Amino acid sequence: METRCINRVYSEDYQDYIVEYTGLPDFLESQYGDDCFQLVSYRFAVAYHYGREVQSGINSGVYIVPHCYGLMSSEQVLESAGIAKVQRQPVLQLYGNGIMVGFIDTGSGV
């Protein structure tokens, strides 16, 4: 990865997004207008977008922001993100009791 791209990974001026793509890196550049990507698989990549506000629906792409560290037990955080409103829908039963999700990055290429 080039130095300018590495700087984006650590910069607070860039948002990190997990994006779905067609398996062709040229598609990422044409769709999102940049060439700093980390290819995760033939279907997903991490794109770095300049700006401090979360973007959604840019170029009809679906973005997932991977910055959700720590426990989500704060009611204020859940309310401000709109999570609590959805979670309270009894039909959905979205409580996640007994669930733990974790990721371990070994640094090995995929």
PDB file of N, CA and C in Angstrom:
ATOM      1  N   MET A   1       0.857  -1.175   0.000  1.00  0.00           N
ATOM      2  CA  MET A   1       0.000   0.000   0.000  1.00  0.00           C
ATOM      3  C   MET A   1       0.900   1.234   0.000  1.00  0.00           C
ATOM      4  N   GLU A   2       0.531   2.209  -0.810  1.00  0.00           N
ATOM      5  CA  GLU A   2       1.306   3.440  -0.918  1.00  0.00           C
ATOM      6  C   GLU A   2       1.228   4.253   0.370  1.00  0.00           C
ATOM      7  N   THR A   3       2.258   5.098   0.599  1.00  0.00           N
ATOM      8  CA  THR A   3       2.325   5.918   1.806  1.00  0.00           C
ATOM      9  C   THR A   3       1.108   6.812   1.951  1.00  0.00           C
ATOM     10  N   ARG A   4       0.650   7.431   0.866  1.00  0.00           N
ATOM     11  CA  ARG A   4      -0.510   8.328   0.969  1.00  0.00           C
ATOM     12  C   ARG A   4      -1.759   7.562   1.391  1.00  0.00           C
ATOM     13  N   CYS A   5      -1.858   6.310   0.977  1.00  0.00           N
ATOM     14  CA  CYS A   5      -2.997   5.488   1.386  1.00  0.00           C
ATOM     15  C   CYS A   5      -2.864   5.056   2.842  1.00  0.00           C
ATOM     16  N   ILE A   6      -1.663   4.723   3.259  1.00  0.00           N
ATOM     17  CA  ILE A   6      -1.435   4.351   4.658  1.00  0.00           C
ATOM     18  C   ILE A   6      -1.793   5.513   5.566  1.00  0.00           C
ATOM     19  N   ASN A   7      -1.448   6.728   5.158  1.00  0.00           N
ATOM     20  CA  ASN A   7      -1.785   7.908   5.953  1.00  0.00           C
ATOM     21  C   ASN A   7      -3.295   8.064   6.101  1.00  0.00           C
ATOM     22  N   ARG A   8      -4.054   7.688   5.094  1.00  0.00           N
ATOM     23  CA  ARG A   8      -5.515   7.780   5.164  1.00  0.00           C
ATOM     24  C   ARG A   8      -6.086   6.791   6.178  1.00  0.00           C
ATOM     25  N   VAL A   9      -5.457   5.648   6.300  1.00  0.00           N
ATOM     26  CA  VAL A   9      -5.926   4.638   7.243  1.00  0.00           C
ATOM     27  C   VAL A   9      -5.904   5.192   8.662  1.00  0.00           C
ATOM     28  N   TYR A  10      -4.863   5.944   9.002  1.00  0.00           N
ATOM     29  CA  TYR A  10      -4.694   6.455  10.360  1.00  0.00           C
ATOM     30  C   TYR A  10      -5.252   7.858  10.558  1.00  0.00           C
ATOM     31  N   SER A  11      -5.579   8.541   9.485  1.00  0.00           N
ATOM     32  CA  SER A  11      -6.028   9.930   9.569  1.00  0.00           C
ATOM     33  C   SER A  11      -7.450  10.036  10.103  1.00  0.00           C
ATOM     34  N   GLU A  12      -7.669  11.026  10.961  1.00  0.00           N
ATOM     35  CA  GLU A  12      -9.018  11.319  11.455  1.00  0.00           C
ATOM     36  C   GLU A  12      -9.822  12.100  10.416  1.00  0.00           C
ATOM     37  N   ASP A  13      -9.175  12.525   9.329  1.00  0.00           N
ATOM     38  CA  ASP A  13      -9.847  13.285   8.279  1.00  0.00           C
ATOM     39  C   ASP A  13     -10.530  12.385   7.249  1.00  0.00           C
ATOM     40  N   TYR A  14     -10.330  11.082   7.362  1.00  0.00           N
ATOM     41  CA  TYR A  14     -10.922  10.131   6.416  1.00  0.00           C
ATOM     42  C   TYR A  14     -11.822   9.150   7.150  1.00  0.00           C
ATOM     43  N   GLN A  15     -12.926   8.806   6.514  1.00  0.00           N
ATOM     44  CA  GLN A  15     -13.837   7.783   7.020  1.00  0.00           C
ATOM     45  C   GLN A  15     -13.487   6.464   6.334  1.00  0.00           C
ATOM     46  N   ASP A  16     -13.566   5.374   7.059  1.00  0.00           N
ATOM     47  CA  ASP A  16     -13.313   4.042   6.506  1.00  0.00           C
ATOM     48  C   ASP A  16     -14.658   3.384   6.221  1.00  0.00           C
ATOM     49  N   TYR A  17     -14.807   2.856   5.013  1.00  0.00           N
ATOM     50  CA  TYR A  17     -16.058   2.214   4.617  1.00  0.00           C
ATOM     51  C   TYR A  17     -15.777   0.834   4.047  1.00  0.00           C
ATOM     52  N   ILE A  18     -16.614  -0.111   4.388  1.00  0.00           N
ATOM     53  CA  ILE A  18     -16.570  -1.422   3.750  1.00  0.00           C
ATOM     54  C   ILE A  18     -17.564  -1.358   2.604  1.00  0.00           C
ATOM     55  N   VAL A  19     -17.085  -1.576   1.384  1.00  0.00           N
ATOM     56  CA  VAL A  19     -17.941  -1.440   0.207  1.00  0.00           C
ATOM     57  C   VAL A  19     -17.965  -2.757  -0.571  1.00  0.00           C
ATOM     58  N   GLU A  20     -19.096  -3.010  -1.195  1.00  0.00           N
ATOM     59  CA  GLU A  20     -19.246  -4.185  -2.039  1.00  0.00           C
ATOM     60  C   GLU A  20     -18.920  -3.775  -3.469  1.00  0.00           C
ATOM     61  N   TYR A  21     -18.185  -4.621  -4.176  1.00  0.00           N
ATOM     62  CA  TYR A  21     -17.827  -4.294  -5.553  1.00  0.00           C
ATOM     63  C   TYR A  21     -17.835  -5.554  -6.409  1.00  0.00           C
ATOM     64  N   THR A  22     -17.532  -5.401  -7.680  1.00  0.00           N
ATOM     65  CA  THR A  22     -17.672  -6.494  -8.645  1.00  0.00           C
ATOM     66  C   THR A  22     -16.462  -7.413  -8.752  1.00  0.00           C
ATOM     67  N   GLY A  23     -15.416  -7.159  -7.994  1.00  0.00           N
ATOM     68  CA  GLY A  23     -14.209  -7.971  -8.086  1.00  0.00           C
ATOM     69  C   GLY A  23     -13.139  -7.335  -8.945  1.00  0.00           C
ATOM     70  N   LEU A  24     -13.454  -6.220  -9.594  1.00  0.00           N
ATOM     71  CA  LEU A  24     -12.483  -5.521 -10.431  1.00  0.00           C
ATOM     72  C   LEU A  24     -12.074  -4.211  -9.752  1.00  0.00           C
ATOM     73  N   PRO A  25     -10.778  -4.048  -9.407  1.00  0.00           N
ATOM     74  CA  PRO A  25     -10.333  -2.815  -8.750  1.00  0.00           C
ATOM     75  C   PRO A  25     -10.659  -1.553  -9.552  1.00  0.00           C
ATOM     76  N   ASP A  26     -10.685  -1.637 -10.891  1.00  0.00           N
ATOM     77  CA  ASP A  26     -11.030  -0.468 -11.708  1.00  0.00           C
ATOM     78  C   ASP A  26     -12.448   0.008 -11.414  1.00  0.00           C
ATOM     79  N   PHE A  27     -13.326  -0.922 -11.083  1.00  0.00           N
ATOM     80  CA  PHE A  27     -14.697  -0.562 -10.728  1.00  0.00           C
ATOM     81  C   PHE A  27     -14.709   0.323  -9.483  1.00  0.00           C
ATOM     82  N   LEU A  28     -13.884  -0.002  -8.500  1.00  0.00           N
ATOM     83  CA  LEU A  28     -13.823   0.796  -7.273  1.00  0.00           C
ATOM     84  C   LEU A  28     -13.423   2.230  -7.577  1.00  0.00           C
ATOM     85  N   GLU A  29     -12.400   2.391  -8.404  1.00  0.00           N
ATOM     86  CA  GLU A  29     -11.935   3.737  -8.746  1.00  0.00           C
ATOM     87  C   GLU A  29     -12.998   4.513  -9.507  1.00  0.00           C
ATOM     88  N   SER A  30     -13.664   3.867 -10.457  1.00  0.00           N
ATOM     89  CA  SER A  30     -14.684   4.581 -11.228  1.00  0.00           C
ATOM     90  C   SER A  30     -15.931   4.869 -10.392  1.00  0.00           C
ATOM     91  N   GLN A  31     -16.289   3.967  -9.501  1.00  0.00           N
ATOM     92  CA  GLN A  31     -17.495   4.131  -8.696  1.00  0.00           C
ATOM     93  C   GLN A  31     -17.305   5.131  -7.562  1.00  0.00           C
ATOM     94  N   TYR A  32     -16.151   5.098  -6.916  1.00  0.00           N
ATOM     95  CA  TYR A  32     -15.944   5.916  -5.729  1.00  0.00           C
ATOM     96  C   TYR A  32     -14.919   7.019  -5.928  1.00  0.00           C
ATOM     97  N   GLY A  33     -14.319   7.107  -7.118  1.00  0.00           N
ATOM     98  CA  GLY A  33     -13.463   8.231  -7.464  1.00  0.00           C
ATOM     99  C   GLY A  33     -12.140   8.298  -6.743  1.00  0.00           C
ATOM    100  N   ASP A  34     -11.583   7.180  -6.357  1.00  0.00           N
ATOM    101  CA  ASP A  34     -10.306   7.189  -5.661  1.00  0.00           C
ATOM    102  C   ASP A  34      -9.596   5.875  -5.922  1.00  0.00           C
ATOM    103  N   ASP A  35      -8.302   5.845  -5.584  1.00  0.00           N
ATOM    104  CA  ASP A  35      -7.568   4.613  -5.804  1.00  0.00           C
ATOM    105  C   ASP A  35      -6.917   4.084  -4.531  1.00  0.00           C
ATOM    106  N   CYS A  36      -7.335   4.563  -3.379  1.00  0.00           N
ATOM    107  CA  CYS A  36      -6.841   4.043  -2.099  1.00  0.00           C
ATOM    108  C   CYS A  36      -7.870   3.082  -1.522  1.00  0.00           C
ATOM    109  N   PHE A  37      -7.641   1.804  -1.779  1.00  0.00           N
ATOM    110  CA  PHE A  37      -8.542   0.765  -1.316  1.00  0.00           C
ATOM    111  C   PHE A  37      -7.726  -0.382  -0.757  1.00  0.00           C
ATOM    112  N   GLN A  38      -8.318  -1.118   0.144  1.00  0.00           N
ATOM    113  CA  GLN A  38      -7.759  -2.386   0.579  1.00  0.00           C
ATOM    114  C   GLN A  38      -8.756  -3.447   0.153  1.00  0.00           C
ATOM    115  N   LEU A  39      -8.328  -4.343  -0.711  1.00  0.00           N
ATOM    116  CA  LEU A  39      -9.209  -5.405  -1.173  1.00  0.00           C
ATOM    117  C   LEU A  39      -9.270  -6.479  -0.096  1.00  0.00           C
ATOM    118  N   VAL A  40     -10.465  -6.757   0.387  1.00  0.00           N
ATOM    119  CA  VAL A  40     -10.664  -7.744   1.440  1.00  0.00           C
ATOM    120  C   VAL A  40     -10.943  -9.110   0.822  1.00  0.00           C
ATOM    121  N   SER A  41     -11.736  -9.119  -0.230  1.00  0.00           N
ATOM    122  CA  SER A  41     -12.073 -10.352  -0.938  1.00  0.00           C
ATOM    123  C   SER A  41     -12.453  -9.959  -2.361  1.00  0.00           C
ATOM    124  N   TYR A  42     -12.952 -10.914  -3.118  1.00  0.00           N
ATOM    125  CA  TYR A  42     -13.408 -10.595  -4.471  1.00  0.00           C
ATOM    126  C   TYR A  42     -14.739  -9.865  -4.464  1.00  0.00           C
ATOM    127  N   ARG A  43     -15.310  -9.681  -3.286  1.00  0.00           N
ATOM    128  CA  ARG A  43     -16.610  -9.021  -3.183  1.00  0.00           C
ATOM    129  C   ARG A  43     -16.571  -7.732  -2.362  1.00  0.00           C
ATOM    130  N   PHE A  44     -15.642  -7.636  -1.405  1.00  0.00           N
ATOM    131  CA  PHE A  44     -15.606  -6.481  -0.510  1.00  0.00           C
ATOM    132  C   PHE A  44     -14.237  -5.824  -0.492  1.00  0.00           C
ATOM    133  N   ALA A  45     -14.256  -4.511  -0.248  1.00  0.00           N
ATOM    134  CA  ALA A  45     -13.027  -3.732  -0.109  1.00  0.00           C
ATOM    135  C   ALA A  45     -13.256  -2.673   0.962  1.00  0.00           C
ATOM    136  N   VAL A  46     -12.161  -2.126   1.485  1.00  0.00           N
ATOM    137  CA  VAL A  46     -12.248  -0.998   2.406  1.00  0.00           C
ATOM    138  C   VAL A  46     -11.841   0.234   1.616  1.00  0.00           C
ATOM    139  N   ALA A  47     -12.708   1.236   1.592  1.00  0.00           N
ATOM    140  CA  ALA A  47     -12.448   2.492   0.878  1.00  0.00           C
ATOM    141  C   ALA A  47     -12.281   3.603   1.904  1.00  0.00           C
ATOM    142  N   TYR A  48     -11.446   4.575   1.585  1.00  0.00           N
ATOM    143  CA  TYR A  48     -11.182   5.697   2.485  1.00  0.00           C
ATOM    144  C   TYR A  48     -11.730   6.956   1.834  1.00  0.00           C
ATOM    145  N   HIS A  49     -12.710   7.569   2.484  1.00  0.00           N
ATOM    146  CA  HIS A  49     -13.408   8.727   1.932  1.00  0.00           C
ATOM    147  C   HIS A  49     -13.118   9.946   2.787  1.00  0.00           C
ATOM    148  N   TYR A  50     -12.690  11.039   2.154  1.00  0.00           N
ATOM    149  CA  TYR A  50     -12.361  12.260   2.884  1.00  0.00           C
ATOM    150  C   TYR A  50     -13.618  12.878   3.485  1.00  0.00           C
ATOM    151  N   GLY A  51     -13.517  13.292   4.712  1.00  0.00           N
ATOM    152  CA  GLY A  51     -14.624  13.964   5.387  1.00  0.00           C
ATOM    153  C   GLY A  51     -14.875  13.377   6.757  1.00  0.00           C
ATOM    154  N   ARG A  52     -15.430  14.194   7.634  1.00  0.00           N
ATOM    155  CA  ARG A  52     -15.687  13.747   9.006  1.00  0.00           C
ATOM    156  C   ARG A  52     -17.111  13.257   9.204  1.00  0.00           C
ATOM    157  N   GLU A  53     -17.999  13.559   8.269  1.00  0.00           N
ATOM    158  CA  GLU A  53     -19.382  13.117   8.402  1.00  0.00           C
ATOM    159  C   GLU A  53     -19.591  11.831   7.617  1.00  0.00           C
ATOM    160  N   VAL A  54     -20.399  10.965   8.165  1.00  0.00           N
ATOM    161  CA  VAL A  54     -20.682   9.683   7.518  1.00  0.00           C
ATOM    162  C   VAL A  54     -21.476   9.927   6.245  1.00  0.00           C
ATOM    163  N   GLN A  55     -21.018   9.348   5.152  1.00  0.00           N
ATOM    164  CA  GLN A  55     -21.681   9.464   3.856  1.00  0.00           C
ATOM    165  C   GLN A  55     -22.465   8.181   3.600  1.00  0.00           C
ATOM    166  N   SER A  56     -23.611   8.297   2.990  1.00  0.00           N
ATOM    167  CA  SER A  56     -24.357   7.095   2.615  1.00  0.00           C
ATOM    168  C   SER A  56     -24.978   7.311   1.248  1.00  0.00           C
ATOM    169  N   GLY A  57     -25.052   6.257   0.495  1.00  0.00           N
ATOM    170  CA  GLY A  57     -25.684   6.321  -0.810  1.00  0.00           C
ATOM    171  C   GLY A  57     -24.872   7.026  -1.881  1.00  0.00           C
ATOM    172  N   ILE A  58     -23.590   7.278  -1.647  1.00  0.00           N
ATOM    173  CA  ILE A  58     -22.772   7.936  -2.666  1.00  0.00           C
ATOM    174  C   ILE A  58     -22.635   6.991  -3.849  1.00  0.00           C
ATOM    175  N   ASN A  59     -22.940   7.500  -5.025  1.00  0.00           N
ATOM    176  CA  ASN A  59     -22.856   6.712  -6.258  1.00  0.00           C
ATOM    177  C   ASN A  59     -23.626   5.396  -6.152  1.00  0.00           C
ATOM    178  N   SER A  60     -24.725   5.412  -5.433  1.00  0.00           N
ATOM    179  CA  SER A  60     -25.572   4.228  -5.239  1.00  0.00           C
ATOM    180  C   SER A  60     -24.840   3.079  -4.559  1.00  0.00           C
ATOM    181  N   GLY A  61     -23.743   3.392  -3.870  1.00  0.00           N
ATOM    182  CA  GLY A  61     -23.000   2.357  -3.149  1.00  0.00           C
ATOM    183  C   GLY A  61     -23.530   2.210  -1.740  1.00  0.00           C
ATOM    184  N   VAL A  62     -23.350   1.050  -1.201  1.00  0.00           N
ATOM    185  CA  VAL A  62     -23.750   0.809   0.178  1.00  0.00           C
ATOM    186  C   VAL A  62     -22.491   0.871   1.021  1.00  0.00           C
ATOM    187  N   TYR A  63     -22.495   1.741   1.997  1.00  0.00           N
ATOM    188  CA  TYR A  63     -21.334   1.921   2.848  1.00  0.00           C
ATOM    189  C   TYR A  63     -21.620   1.383   4.241  1.00  0.00           C
ATOM    190  N   ILE A  64     -20.638   0.778   4.828  1.00  0.00           N
ATOM    191  CA  ILE A  64     -20.732   0.317   6.201  1.00  0.00           C
ATOM    192  C   ILE A  64     -19.556   0.929   6.944  1.00  0.00           C
ATOM    193  N   VAL A  65     -19.830   1.665   7.999  1.00  0.00           N
ATOM    194  CA  VAL A  65     -18.763   2.313   8.757  1.00  0.00           C
ATOM    195  C   VAL A  65     -18.269   1.350   9.827  1.00  0.00           C
ATOM    196  N   PRO A  66     -17.002   0.948   9.762  1.00  0.00           N
ATOM    197  CA  PRO A  66     -16.510  -0.041  10.717  1.00  0.00           C
ATOM    198  C   PRO A  66     -15.985   0.525  12.027  1.00  0.00           C
ATOM    199  N   HIS A  67     -16.332   1.766  12.383  1.00  0.00           N
ATOM    200  CA  HIS A  67     -15.855   2.330  13.646  1.00  0.00           C
ATOM    201  C   HIS A  67     -16.904   2.162  14.735  1.00  0.00           C
ATOM    202  N   CYS A  68     -16.926   1.038  15.373  1.00  0.00           N
ATOM    203  CA  CYS A  68     -17.853   0.787  16.475  1.00  0.00           C
ATOM    204  C   CYS A  68     -17.080  -0.014  17.513  1.00  0.00           C
ATOM    205  N   TYR A  69     -16.295   0.683  18.308  1.00  0.00           N
ATOM    206  CA  TYR A  69     -15.429   0.020  19.271  1.00  0.00           C
ATOM    207  C   TYR A  69     -16.064   0.033  20.659  1.00  0.00           C
ATOM    208  N   GLY A  70     -15.834  -1.007  21.416  1.00  0.00           N
ATOM    209  CA  GLY A  70     -16.324  -1.058  22.786  1.00  0.00           C
ATOM    210  C   GLY A  70     -17.733  -1.596  22.877  1.00  0.00           C
ATOM    211  N   LEU A  71     -18.269  -1.543  24.082  1.00  0.00           N
ATOM    212  CA  LEU A  71     -19.611  -2.060  24.322  1.00  0.00           C
ATOM    213  C   LEU A  71     -20.648  -1.005  24.000  1.00  0.00           C
ATOM    214  N   MET A  72     -21.746  -1.430  23.426  1.00  0.00           N
ATOM    215  CA  MET A  72     -22.830  -0.514  23.066  1.00  0.00           C
ATOM    216  C   MET A  72     -23.896  -0.521  24.157  1.00  0.00           C
ATOM    217  N   SER A  73     -23.486  -0.323  25.403  1.00  0.00           N
ATOM    218  CA  SER A  73     -24.437  -0.390  26.507  1.00  0.00           C
ATOM    219  C   SER A  73     -24.953   0.983  26.924  1.00  0.00           C
ATOM    220  N   SER A  74     -24.446   2.042  26.338  1.00  0.00           N
ATOM    221  CA  SER A  74     -24.890   3.387  26.694  1.00  0.00           C
ATOM    222  C   SER A  74     -26.221   3.690  26.011  1.00  0.00           C
ATOM    223  N   GLU A  75     -27.243   3.936  26.800  1.00  0.00           N
ATOM    224  CA  GLU A  75     -28.571   4.235  26.254  1.00  0.00           C
ATOM    225  C   GLU A  75     -28.540   5.492  25.391  1.00  0.00           C
ATOM    226  N   GLN A  76     -27.735   6.484  25.794  1.00  0.00           N
ATOM    227  CA  GLN A  76     -27.637   7.735  25.032  1.00  0.00           C
ATOM    228  C   GLN A  76     -27.085   7.474  23.628  1.00  0.00           C
ATOM    229  N   VAL A  77     -26.062   6.646  23.535  1.00  0.00           N
ATOM    230  CA  VAL A  77     -25.475   6.313  22.233  1.00  0.00           C
ATOM    231  C   VAL A  77     -26.491   5.562  21.381  1.00  0.00           C
ATOM    232  N   LEU A  78     -27.168   4.602  21.980  1.00  0.00           N
ATOM    233  CA  LEU A  78     -28.158   3.820  21.239  1.00  0.00           C
ATOM    234  C   LEU A  78     -29.303   4.693  20.740  1.00  0.00           C
ATOM    235  N   GLU A  79     -29.761   5.635  21.565  1.00  0.00           N
ATOM    236  CA  GLU A  79     -30.849   6.538  21.168  1.00  0.00           C
ATOM    237  C   GLU A  79     -30.410   7.471  20.045  1.00  0.00           C
ATOM    238  N   SER A  80     -29.229   8.079  20.186  1.00  0.00           N
ATOM    239  CA  SER A  80     -28.783   9.058  19.185  1.00  0.00           C
ATOM    240  C   SER A  80     -28.532   8.416  17.827  1.00  0.00           C
ATOM    241  N   ALA A  81     -28.160   7.142  17.810  1.00  0.00           N
ATOM    242  CA  ALA A  81     -27.915   6.435  16.551  1.00  0.00           C
ATOM    243  C   ALA A  81     -29.191   5.824  15.977  1.00  0.00           C
ATOM    244  N   GLY A  82     -30.298   5.895  16.722  1.00  0.00           N
ATOM    245  CA  GLY A  82     -31.554   5.321  16.248  1.00  0.00           C
ATOM    246  C   GLY A  82     -31.669   3.820  16.464  1.00  0.00           C
ATOM    247  N   ILE A  83     -30.684   3.245  17.152  1.00  0.00           N
ATOM    248  CA  ILE A  83     -30.673   1.801  17.364  1.00  0.00           C
ATOM    249  C   ILE A  83     -31.766   1.381  18.337  1.00  0.00           C
ATOM    250  N   ALA A  84     -31.916   2.139  19.414  1.00  0.00           N
ATOM    251  CA  ALA A  84     -32.887   1.773  20.454  1.00  0.00           C
ATOM    252  C   ALA A  84     -34.313   1.731  19.902  1.00  0.00           C
ATOM    253  N   LYS A  85     -34.640   2.664  19.012  1.00  0.00           N
ATOM    254  CA  LYS A  85     -35.989   2.714  18.433  1.00  0.00           C
ATOM    255  C   LYS A  85     -36.297   1.430  17.658  1.00  0.00           C
ATOM    256  N   VAL A  86     -35.330   0.979  16.873  1.00  0.00           N
ATOM    257  CA  VAL A  86     -35.512  -0.254  16.104  1.00  0.00           C
ATOM    258  C   VAL A  86     -35.503  -1.459  17.042  1.00  0.00           C
ATOM    259  N   GLN A  87     -34.607  -1.424  18.020  1.00  0.00           N
ATOM    260  CA  GLN A  87     -34.461  -2.551  18.940  1.00  0.00           C
ATOM    261  C   GLN A  87     -35.729  -2.793  19.763  1.00  0.00           C
ATOM    262  N   ARG A  88     -36.483  -1.746  20.041  1.00  0.00           N
ATOM    263  CA  ARG A  88     -37.693  -1.872  20.858  1.00  0.00           C
ATOM    264  C   ARG A  88     -38.876  -2.475  20.104  1.00  0.00           C
ATOM    265  N   GLN A  89     -38.745  -2.695  18.818  1.00  0.00           N
ATOM    266  CA  GLN A  89     -39.825  -3.312  18.052  1.00  0.00           C
ATOM    267  C   GLN A  89     -39.958  -4.772  18.492  1.00  0.00           C
ATOM    268  N   PRO A  90     -41.044  -5.134  19.192  1.00  0.00           N
ATOM    269  CA  PRO A  90     -41.167  -6.487  19.742  1.00  0.00           C
ATOM    270  C   PRO A  90     -41.151  -7.590  18.688  1.00  0.00           C
ATOM    271  N   VAL A  91     -41.624  -7.295  17.508  1.00  0.00           N
ATOM    272  CA  VAL A  91     -41.663  -8.304  16.443  1.00  0.00           C
ATOM    273  C   VAL A  91     -40.254  -8.726  16.032  1.00  0.00           C
ATOM    274  N   LEU A  92     -39.299  -7.802  16.059  1.00  0.00           N
ATOM    275  CA  LEU A  92     -37.944  -8.085  15.598  1.00  0.00           C
ATOM    276  C   LEU A  92     -37.110  -8.866  16.609  1.00  0.00           C
ATOM    277  N   GLN A  93     -37.394  -8.715  17.893  1.00  0.00           N
ATOM    278  CA  GLN A  93     -36.647  -9.389  18.961  1.00  0.00           C
ATOM    279  C   GLN A  93     -35.142  -9.200  18.798  1.00  0.00           C
ATOM    280  N   LEU A  94     -34.714  -7.948  18.674  1.00  0.00           N
ATOM    281  CA  LEU A  94     -33.305  -7.619  18.443  1.00  0.00           C
ATOM    282  C   LEU A  94     -32.582  -7.259  19.742  1.00  0.00           C
ATOM    283  N   TYR A  95     -32.401  -8.218  20.610  1.00  0.00           N
ATOM    284  CA  TYR A  95     -31.741  -7.922  21.876  1.00  0.00           C
ATOM    285  C   TYR A  95     -30.319  -8.459  21.942  1.00  0.00           C
ATOM    286  N   GLY A  96     -29.985  -9.464  21.167  1.00  0.00           N
ATOM    287  CA  GLY A  96     -28.618  -9.961  21.110  1.00  0.00           C
ATOM    288  C   GLY A  96     -28.112 -10.552  22.407  1.00  0.00           C
ATOM    289  N   ASN A  97     -28.979 -11.059  23.250  1.00  0.00           N
ATOM    290  CA  ASN A  97     -28.553 -11.657  24.514  1.00  0.00           C
ATOM    291  C   ASN A  97     -27.664 -12.863  24.253  1.00  0.00           C
ATOM    292  N   GLY A  98     -26.527 -12.913  24.952  1.00  0.00           N
ATOM    293  CA  GLY A  98     -25.616 -14.040  24.816  1.00  0.00           C
ATOM    294  C   GLY A  98     -24.809 -14.035  23.533  1.00  0.00           C
ATOM    295  N   ILE A  99     -24.763 -12.899  22.845  1.00  0.00           N
ATOM    296  CA  ILE A  99     -24.050 -12.805  21.566  1.00  0.00           C
ATOM    297  C   ILE A  99     -22.775 -11.988  21.743  1.00  0.00           C
ATOM    298  N   MET A 100     -21.676 -12.489  21.199  1.00  0.00           N
ATOM    299  CA  MET A 100     -20.436 -11.725  21.174  1.00  0.00           C
ATOM    300  C   MET A 100     -19.834 -11.879  19.781  1.00  0.00           C
ATOM    301  N   VAL A 101     -19.456 -10.782  19.182  1.00  0.00           N
ATOM    302  CA  VAL A 101     -18.853 -10.797  17.857  1.00  0.00           C
ATOM    303  C   VAL A 101     -17.459 -10.215  17.980  1.00  0.00           C
ATOM    304  N   GLY A 102     -16.486 -10.857  17.377  1.00  0.00           N
ATOM    305  CA  GLY A 102     -15.117 -10.352  17.431  1.00  0.00           C
ATOM    306  C   GLY A 102     -14.389 -10.639  16.140  1.00  0.00           C
ATOM    307  N   PHE A 103     -13.375  -9.841  15.883  1.00  0.00           N
ATOM    308  CA  PHE A 103     -12.550 -10.013  14.692  1.00  0.00           C
ATOM    309  C   PHE A 103     -11.093 -10.062  15.126  1.00  0.00           C
ATOM    310  N   ILE A 104     -10.357 -10.994  14.578  1.00  0.00           N
ATOM    311  CA  ILE A 104      -8.930 -11.087  14.851  1.00  0.00           C
ATOM    312  C   ILE A 104      -8.206 -10.942  13.527  1.00  0.00           C
ATOM    313  N   ASP A 105      -7.375  -9.914  13.422  1.00  0.00           N
ATOM    314  CA  ASP A 105      -6.608  -9.674  12.207  1.00  0.00           C
ATOM    315  C   ASP A 105      -5.218 -10.255  12.402  1.00  0.00           C
ATOM    316  N   THR A 106      -4.905 -11.310  11.676  1.00  0.00           N
ATOM    317  CA  THR A 106      -3.597 -11.946  11.798  1.00  0.00           C
ATOM    318  C   THR A 106      -2.550 -11.256  10.943  1.00  0.00           C
ATOM    319  N   GLY A 107      -3.000 -10.338  10.079  1.00  0.00           N
ATOM    320  CA  GLY A 107      -2.073  -9.668   9.186  1.00  0.00           C
ATOM    321  C   GLY A 107      -1.763 -10.483   7.945  1.00  0.00           C
ATOM    322  N   SER A 108      -2.290 -11.672   7.859  1.00  0.00           N
ATOM    323  CA  SER A 108      -2.064 -12.540   6.717  1.00  0.00           C
ATOM    324  C   SER A 108      -2.996 -12.143   5.582  1.00  0.00           C
ATOM    325  N   GLY A 109      -2.513 -12.155   4.363  1.00  0.00           N
ATOM    326  CA  GLY A 109      -3.337 -11.807   3.210  1.00  0.00           C
ATOM    327  C   GLY A 109      -4.412 -12.841   2.964  1.00  0.00           C
ATOM    328  N   VAL A 110      -5.506 -12.389   2.357  1.00  0.00           N
ATOM    329  CA  VAL A 110      -6.623 -13.288   2.055  1.00  0.00           C
ATOM    330  C   VAL A 110      -6.444 -13.857   0.675  1.00  0.00           C
TER     331      VAL A 110
END
